[in-house]
């Protein structure tokens, strides 16, 4: 890769993550759709499937979700230095703004204008999260089938909202099941393929014996 191309990737990482840090009102969950848009839609650094897998793993780890995702995106593109650039670009704008406005925090926290801005942006965040959830759900149904997909959605909802199990444990449980499920499916397919191959060989042998008998 040329020096200009390498520099361009760092610039893209910086600009993309700076936007997610500046526009991510409402904490980590509201930032995830922005990071997904930049990485999957805008720059195509990864596909939805990889993003969903990394999001699930990141949720199972301690620490803020947004910085973990920013670090992975940077590392995915340019290794350790890319991760550092990506995280700094994500956190610096809001950090600098917070320090600069520290003396006005008390005023801003009670400002009707600020409260109105936050209230107005919440529906946008809700729609973005809803769209992302729908797309992930659609992929899950395609991979697992409609009955299993609906069943897992209901089970996850019951575990998270009914029993109130920590999301990290729910994610780990489903990851473990997914690994066992995929391994079992792969073994069953392999067994069926072997049976089919054996059946074909038996039929070919029988056909060959009939032909030799007629000769």
C-alpha atoms as a PDB file:
ATOM      1  CA  UNK A   1       0.000   0.000   0.000  1.00  0.00           C
ATOM      2  CA  UNK A   2       1.349   3.450  -0.918  1.00  0.00           C
ATOM      3  CA  UNK A   3       2.093   6.157   1.632  1.00  0.00           C
ATOM      4  CA  UNK A   4      -0.750   8.340   0.308  1.00  0.00           C
ATOM      5  CA  UNK A   5      -3.214   5.458   0.541  1.00  0.00           C
ATOM      6  CA  UNK A   6      -2.091   4.697   4.092  1.00  0.00           C
ATOM      7  CA  UNK A   7      -2.481   8.329   5.098  1.00  0.00           C
ATOM      8  CA  UNK A   8      -5.903   8.380   3.484  1.00  0.00           C
ATOM      9  CA  UNK A   9      -7.045   5.430   5.619  1.00  0.00           C
ATOM     10  CA  UNK A  10      -5.937   7.200   8.808  1.00  0.00           C
ATOM     11  CA  UNK A  11      -7.769  10.334   7.682  1.00  0.00           C
ATOM     12  CA  UNK A  12     -10.910   8.314   6.975  1.00  0.00           C
ATOM     13  CA  UNK A  13     -10.713   6.625  10.374  1.00  0.00           C
ATOM     14  CA  UNK A  14     -10.234   9.970  12.117  1.00  0.00           C
ATOM     15  CA  UNK A  15     -13.115  11.642  10.294  1.00  0.00           C
ATOM     16  CA  UNK A  16     -15.495   8.706  10.678  1.00  0.00           C
ATOM     17  CA  UNK A  17     -14.857   8.217  14.395  1.00  0.00           C
ATOM     18  CA  UNK A  18     -14.875  11.949  15.116  1.00  0.00           C
ATOM     19  CA  UNK A  19     -18.371  12.139  13.622  1.00  0.00           C
ATOM     20  CA  UNK A  20     -19.577   9.262  15.781  1.00  0.00           C
ATOM     21  CA  UNK A  21     -18.129  10.920  18.884  1.00  0.00           C
ATOM     22  CA  UNK A  22     -19.659  14.314  18.130  1.00  0.00           C
ATOM     23  CA  UNK A  23     -23.102  13.149  16.990  1.00  0.00           C
ATOM     24  CA  UNK A  24     -23.548  10.250  19.421  1.00  0.00           C
ATOM     25  CA  UNK A  25     -26.042  11.820  21.820  1.00  0.00           C
ATOM     26  CA  UNK A  26     -27.345   9.582  24.583  1.00  0.00           C
ATOM     27  CA  UNK A  27     -24.428   7.277  25.329  1.00  0.00           C
ATOM     28  CA  UNK A  28     -23.125   4.038  23.864  1.00  0.00           C
ATOM     29  CA  UNK A  29     -26.310   2.542  22.344  1.00  0.00           C
ATOM     30  CA  UNK A  30     -26.978   5.687  20.317  1.00  0.00           C
ATOM     31  CA  UNK A  31     -23.430   5.638  18.905  1.00  0.00           C
ATOM     32  CA  UNK A  32     -23.594   2.063  17.589  1.00  0.00           C
ATOM     33  CA  UNK A  33     -25.831   2.853  14.571  1.00  0.00           C
ATOM     34  CA  UNK A  34     -23.479   5.709  13.659  1.00  0.00           C
ATOM     35  CA  UNK A  35     -20.407   3.468  13.849  1.00  0.00           C
ATOM     36  CA  UNK A  36     -22.240   0.823  11.839  1.00  0.00           C
ATOM     37  CA  UNK A  37     -23.143   3.370   9.157  1.00  0.00           C
ATOM     38  CA  UNK A  38     -19.557   4.588   8.826  1.00  0.00           C
ATOM     39  CA  UNK A  39     -17.956   1.126   8.817  1.00  0.00           C
ATOM     40  CA  UNK A  40     -20.541  -0.882   6.858  1.00  0.00           C
ATOM     41  CA  UNK A  41     -22.358   1.605   4.637  1.00  0.00           C
ATOM     42  CA  UNK A  42     -20.035   4.560   4.053  1.00  0.00           C
ATOM     43  CA  UNK A  43     -16.547   3.024   3.884  1.00  0.00           C
ATOM     44  CA  UNK A  44     -17.420  -0.698   3.585  1.00  0.00           C
ATOM     45  CA  UNK A  45     -14.622  -1.734   5.949  1.00  0.00           C
ATOM     46  CA  UNK A  46     -16.665  -4.789   6.998  1.00  0.00           C
ATOM     47  CA  UNK A  47     -20.043  -6.367   6.342  1.00  0.00           C
ATOM     48  CA  UNK A  48     -23.104  -6.525   8.585  1.00  0.00           C
ATOM     49  CA  UNK A  49     -22.352 -10.062   9.693  1.00  0.00           C
ATOM     50  CA  UNK A  50     -18.879  -9.223  11.001  1.00  0.00           C
ATOM     51  CA  UNK A  51     -20.148  -6.028  12.626  1.00  0.00           C
ATOM     52  CA  UNK A  52     -22.881  -7.959  14.418  1.00  0.00           C
ATOM     53  CA  UNK A  53     -20.419 -10.568  15.665  1.00  0.00           C
ATOM     54  CA  UNK A  54     -18.009  -7.945  16.991  1.00  0.00           C
ATOM     55  CA  UNK A  55     -20.876  -6.013  18.599  1.00  0.00           C
ATOM     56  CA  UNK A  56     -21.994  -9.163  20.436  1.00  0.00           C
ATOM     57  CA  UNK A  57     -18.462  -9.902  21.666  1.00  0.00           C
ATOM     58  CA  UNK A  58     -17.877  -6.279  22.670  1.00  0.00           C
ATOM     59  CA  UNK A  59     -21.073  -6.295  24.747  1.00  0.00           C
ATOM     60  CA  UNK A  60     -19.753  -9.288  26.661  1.00  0.00           C
ATOM     61  CA  UNK A  61     -16.565  -7.414  27.616  1.00  0.00           C
ATOM     62  CA  UNK A  62     -16.214  -4.724  30.299  1.00  0.00           C
ATOM     63  CA  UNK A  63     -15.962  -1.058  29.392  1.00  0.00           C
ATOM     64  CA  UNK A  64     -17.853   1.435  27.192  1.00  0.00           C
ATOM     65  CA  UNK A  65     -19.205  -0.188  24.037  1.00  0.00           C
ATOM     66  CA  UNK A  66     -18.472   2.783  21.751  1.00  0.00           C
ATOM     67  CA  UNK A  67     -14.739   2.917  22.477  1.00  0.00           C
ATOM     68  CA  UNK A  68     -14.425  -0.866  22.126  1.00  0.00           C
ATOM     69  CA  UNK A  69     -16.072  -0.733  18.704  1.00  0.00           C
ATOM     70  CA  UNK A  70     -13.938   2.243  17.655  1.00  0.00           C
ATOM     71  CA  UNK A  71     -10.796   0.385  18.727  1.00  0.00           C
ATOM     72  CA  UNK A  72     -11.767  -2.707  16.752  1.00  0.00           C
ATOM     73  CA  UNK A  73     -12.576  -0.717  13.614  1.00  0.00           C
ATOM     74  CA  UNK A  74      -9.193   1.013  13.773  1.00  0.00           C
ATOM     75  CA  UNK A  75      -7.344  -2.237  14.464  1.00  0.00           C
ATOM     76  CA  UNK A  76      -9.239  -3.953  11.651  1.00  0.00           C
ATOM     77  CA  UNK A  77      -7.943  -1.348   9.188  1.00  0.00           C
ATOM     78  CA  UNK A  78      -4.451  -0.387  10.395  1.00  0.00           C
ATOM     79  CA  UNK A  79      -3.501  -2.543  13.363  1.00  0.00           C
ATOM     80  CA  UNK A  80      -2.492  -1.124  16.735  1.00  0.00           C
ATOM     81  CA  UNK A  81      -1.793   2.397  15.473  1.00  0.00           C
ATOM     82  CA  UNK A  82      -5.136   2.410  13.686  1.00  0.00           C
ATOM     83  CA  UNK A  83      -6.878   1.444  16.929  1.00  0.00           C
ATOM     84  CA  UNK A  84      -5.168   4.293  18.793  1.00  0.00           C
ATOM     85  CA  UNK A  85      -6.059   6.834  16.099  1.00  0.00           C
ATOM     86  CA  UNK A  86      -9.646   5.604  15.962  1.00  0.00           C
ATOM     87  CA  UNK A  87     -10.223   5.756  19.723  1.00  0.00           C
ATOM     88  CA  UNK A  88      -8.604   9.176  20.074  1.00  0.00           C
ATOM     89  CA  UNK A  89     -10.654  10.549  17.187  1.00  0.00           C
ATOM     90  CA  UNK A  90     -13.795   9.207  18.836  1.00  0.00           C
ATOM     91  CA  UNK A  91     -13.237  10.546  22.352  1.00  0.00           C
ATOM     92  CA  UNK A  92     -11.221  13.762  21.833  1.00  0.00           C
ATOM     93  CA  UNK A  93     -13.935  16.056  20.374  1.00  0.00           C
ATOM     94  CA  UNK A  94     -16.412  15.448  23.196  1.00  0.00           C
ATOM     95  CA  UNK A  95     -13.610  15.481  25.810  1.00  0.00           C
ATOM     96  CA  UNK A  96     -12.302  18.833  24.617  1.00  0.00           C
ATOM     97  CA  UNK A  97     -15.830  20.243  24.469  1.00  0.00           C
ATOM     98  CA  UNK A  98     -16.548  19.000  27.998  1.00  0.00           C
ATOM     99  CA  UNK A  99     -13.384  20.585  29.393  1.00  0.00           C
ATOM    100  CA  UNK A 100     -14.020  23.848  27.535  1.00  0.00           C
ATOM    101  CA  UNK A 101     -17.595  24.050  28.766  1.00  0.00           C
ATOM    102  CA  UNK A 102     -16.898  22.827  32.303  1.00  0.00           C
ATOM    103  CA  UNK A 103     -17.732  26.161  33.829  1.00  0.00           C
ATOM    104  CA  UNK A 104     -21.115  26.144  32.090  1.00  0.00           C
ATOM    105  CA  UNK A 105     -22.097  22.597  33.018  1.00  0.00           C
ATOM    106  CA  UNK A 106     -24.446  23.619  35.806  1.00  0.00           C
ATOM    107  CA  UNK A 107     -26.132  26.155  33.555  1.00  0.00           C
ATOM    108  CA  UNK A 108     -26.372  23.809  30.581  1.00  0.00           C
ATOM    109  CA  UNK A 109     -27.680  20.864  32.601  1.00  0.00           C
ATOM    110  CA  UNK A 110     -30.718  22.881  33.631  1.00  0.00           C
ATOM    111  CA  UNK A 111     -31.154  24.744  30.358  1.00  0.00           C
ATOM    112  CA  UNK A 112     -34.530  24.277  28.689  1.00  0.00           C
ATOM    113  CA  UNK A 113     -32.832  24.605  25.293  1.00  0.00           C
ATOM    114  CA  UNK A 114     -30.394  21.770  26.023  1.00  0.00           C
ATOM    115  CA  UNK A 115     -33.161  19.593  27.437  1.00  0.00           C
ATOM    116  CA  UNK A 116     -35.215  20.290  24.334  1.00  0.00           C
ATOM    117  CA  UNK A 117     -32.313  19.338  22.062  1.00  0.00           C
ATOM    118  CA  UNK A 118     -31.838  16.048  23.917  1.00  0.00           C
ATOM    119  CA  UNK A 119     -35.560  15.331  23.864  1.00  0.00           C
ATOM    120  CA  UNK A 120     -35.791  16.039  20.134  1.00  0.00           C
ATOM    121  CA  UNK A 121     -32.884  13.770  19.209  1.00  0.00           C
ATOM    122  CA  UNK A 122     -34.184  10.763  21.192  1.00  0.00           C
ATOM    123  CA  UNK A 123     -36.758   9.726  18.505  1.00  0.00           C
ATOM    124  CA  UNK A 124     -34.014   9.801  15.852  1.00  0.00           C
ATOM    125  CA  UNK A 125     -31.799   7.572  17.997  1.00  0.00           C
ATOM    126  CA  UNK A 126     -34.740   5.230  18.631  1.00  0.00           C
ATOM    127  CA  UNK A 127     -35.419   4.898  14.893  1.00  0.00           C
ATOM    128  CA  UNK A 128     -31.738   4.244  14.116  1.00  0.00           C
ATOM    129  CA  UNK A 129     -31.572   1.534  16.799  1.00  0.00           C
ATOM    130  CA  UNK A 130     -34.849   0.070  15.548  1.00  0.00           C
ATOM    131  CA  UNK A 131     -33.619  -0.142  11.951  1.00  0.00           C
ATOM    132  CA  UNK A 132     -30.374  -1.800  13.038  1.00  0.00           C
ATOM    133  CA  UNK A 133     -32.273  -4.251  15.264  1.00  0.00           C
ATOM    134  CA  UNK A 134     -34.644  -5.114  12.398  1.00  0.00           C
ATOM    135  CA  UNK A 135     -31.783  -5.774   9.977  1.00  0.00           C
ATOM    136  CA  UNK A 136     -29.953  -7.963  12.503  1.00  0.00           C
ATOM    137  CA  UNK A 137     -33.206  -9.774  13.288  1.00  0.00           C
ATOM    138  CA  UNK A 138     -33.837 -10.386   9.602  1.00  0.00           C
ATOM    139  CA  UNK A 139     -30.393 -11.949   9.233  1.00  0.00           C
ATOM    140  CA  UNK A 140     -30.990 -14.116  12.314  1.00  0.00           C
ATOM    141  CA  UNK A 141     -34.290 -15.405  10.924  1.00  0.00           C
ATOM    142  CA  UNK A 142     -32.667 -16.205   7.583  1.00  0.00           C
ATOM    143  CA  UNK A 143     -29.879 -18.117   9.315  1.00  0.00           C
ATOM    144  CA  UNK A 144     -31.950 -19.966  11.931  1.00  0.00           C
ATOM    145  CA  UNK A 145     -35.337 -20.164  10.241  1.00  0.00           C
ATOM    146  CA  UNK A 146     -38.526 -18.323  11.203  1.00  0.00           C
ATOM    147  CA  UNK A 147     -39.722 -20.586  14.085  1.00  0.00           C
ATOM    148  CA  UNK A 148     -36.273 -20.780  15.725  1.00  0.00           C
ATOM    149  CA  UNK A 149     -35.674 -17.065  15.170  1.00  0.00           C
ATOM    150  CA  UNK A 150     -38.943 -16.059  16.839  1.00  0.00           C
ATOM    151  CA  UNK A 151     -38.278 -18.528  19.652  1.00  0.00           C
ATOM    152  CA  UNK A 152     -34.821 -17.087  20.313  1.00  0.00           C
ATOM    153  CA  UNK A 153     -36.153 -13.523  20.231  1.00  0.00           C
ATOM    154  CA  UNK A 154     -38.765 -14.444  22.836  1.00  0.00           C
ATOM    155  CA  UNK A 155     -36.220 -16.305  24.965  1.00  0.00           C
ATOM    156  CA  UNK A 156     -33.738 -13.414  24.852  1.00  0.00           C
ATOM    157  CA  UNK A 157     -36.491 -10.927  25.766  1.00  0.00           C
ATOM    158  CA  UNK A 158     -37.590 -13.112  28.689  1.00  0.00           C
ATOM    159  CA  UNK A 159     -34.018 -13.499  29.959  1.00  0.00           C
ATOM    160  CA  UNK A 160     -33.206  -9.786  29.648  1.00  0.00           C
ATOM    161  CA  UNK A 161     -36.491  -8.197  30.728  1.00  0.00           C
ATOM    162  CA  UNK A 162     -38.265 -10.925  32.687  1.00  0.00           C
ATOM    163  CA  UNK A 163     -35.523 -12.671  34.644  1.00  0.00           C
ATOM    164  CA  UNK A 164     -33.231  -9.630  34.199  1.00  0.00           C
ATOM    165  CA  UNK A 165     -30.055 -11.583  33.557  1.00  0.00           C
ATOM    166  CA  UNK A 166     -27.051  -9.414  32.759  1.00  0.00           C
ATOM    167  CA  UNK A 167     -26.740  -8.895  28.970  1.00  0.00           C
ATOM    168  CA  UNK A 168     -23.149 -10.184  28.991  1.00  0.00           C
ATOM    169  CA  UNK A 169     -24.276 -13.563  30.359  1.00  0.00           C
ATOM    170  CA  UNK A 170     -27.151 -13.755  27.874  1.00  0.00           C
ATOM    171  CA  UNK A 171     -24.742 -13.072  25.011  1.00  0.00           C
ATOM    172  CA  UNK A 172     -22.306 -15.714  26.254  1.00  0.00           C
ATOM    173  CA  UNK A 173     -25.126 -18.261  26.578  1.00  0.00           C
ATOM    174  CA  UNK A 174     -26.289 -17.642  23.027  1.00  0.00           C
ATOM    175  CA  UNK A 175     -22.719 -17.677  21.677  1.00  0.00           C
ATOM    176  CA  UNK A 176     -22.143 -21.057  23.340  1.00  0.00           C
ATOM    177  CA  UNK A 177     -25.397 -22.415  21.956  1.00  0.00           C
ATOM    178  CA  UNK A 178     -24.594 -21.050  18.490  1.00  0.00           C
ATOM    179  CA  UNK A 179     -21.225 -22.797  18.494  1.00  0.00           C
ATOM    180  CA  UNK A 180     -22.815 -26.105  19.549  1.00  0.00           C
ATOM    181  CA  UNK A 181     -25.681 -25.663  17.087  1.00  0.00           C
ATOM    182  CA  UNK A 182     -23.446 -24.941  14.107  1.00  0.00           C
ATOM    183  CA  UNK A 183     -21.120 -27.833  14.996  1.00  0.00           C
ATOM    184  CA  UNK A 184     -24.073 -30.223  15.286  1.00  0.00           C
ATOM    185  CA  UNK A 185     -25.574 -29.043  11.993  1.00  0.00           C
ATOM    186  CA  UNK A 186     -22.216 -29.421  10.248  1.00  0.00           C
ATOM    187  CA  UNK A 187     -21.845 -32.992  11.568  1.00  0.00           C
ATOM    188  CA  UNK A 188     -25.380 -33.926  10.491  1.00  0.00           C
ATOM    189  CA  UNK A 189     -24.787 -32.533   7.002  1.00  0.00           C
ATOM    190  CA  UNK A 190     -21.517 -34.421   6.734  1.00  0.00           C
ATOM    191  CA  UNK A 191     -23.226 -37.647   7.859  1.00  0.00           C
ATOM    192  CA  UNK A 192     -26.013 -37.169   5.299  1.00  0.00           C
ATOM    193  CA  UNK A 193     -23.504 -36.478   2.533  1.00  0.00           C
ATOM    194  CA  UNK A 194     -21.584 -39.660   3.406  1.00  0.00           C
ATOM    195  CA  UNK A 195     -24.794 -41.702   3.391  1.00  0.00           C
ATOM    196  CA  UNK A 196     -25.745 -40.243   0.015  1.00  0.00           C
ATOM    197  CA  UNK A 197     -22.301 -40.980  -1.420  1.00  0.00           C
ATOM    198  CA  UNK A 198     -22.469 -44.564  -0.113  1.00  0.00           C
ATOM    199  CA  UNK A 199     -25.931 -45.018  -1.617  1.00  0.00           C
ATOM    200  CA  UNK A 200     -24.714 -43.741  -4.985  1.00  0.00           C
ATOM    201  CA  UNK A 201     -21.691 -46.071  -4.889  1.00  0.00           C
ATOM    202  CA  UNK A 202     -23.929 -49.030  -4.010  1.00  0.00           C
ATOM    203  CA  UNK A 203     -26.273 -48.215  -6.880  1.00  0.00           C
ATOM    204  CA  UNK A 204     -23.338 -47.867  -9.265  1.00  0.00           C
ATOM    205  CA  UNK A 205     -21.927 -51.225  -8.125  1.00  0.00           C
ATOM    206  CA  UNK A 206     -25.315 -52.896  -8.536  1.00  0.00           C
ATOM    207  CA  UNK A 207     -25.691 -51.345 -11.974  1.00  0.00           C
ATOM    208  CA  UNK A 208     -22.237 -52.553 -12.962  1.00  0.00           C
ATOM    209  CA  UNK A 209     -23.038 -56.089 -11.770  1.00  0.00           C
ATOM    210  CA  UNK A 210     -26.250 -56.196 -13.810  1.00  0.00           C
ATOM    211  CA  UNK A 211     -24.384 -54.977 -16.902  1.00  0.00           C
ATOM    212  CA  UNK A 212     -21.674 -57.643 -16.523  1.00  0.00           C
ATOM    213  CA  UNK A 213     -24.325 -60.334 -16.036  1.00  0.00           C
ATOM    214  CA  UNK A 214     -26.037 -59.359 -19.278  1.00  0.00           C
ATOM    215  CA  UNK A 215     -22.703 -59.524 -21.099  1.00  0.00           C
END
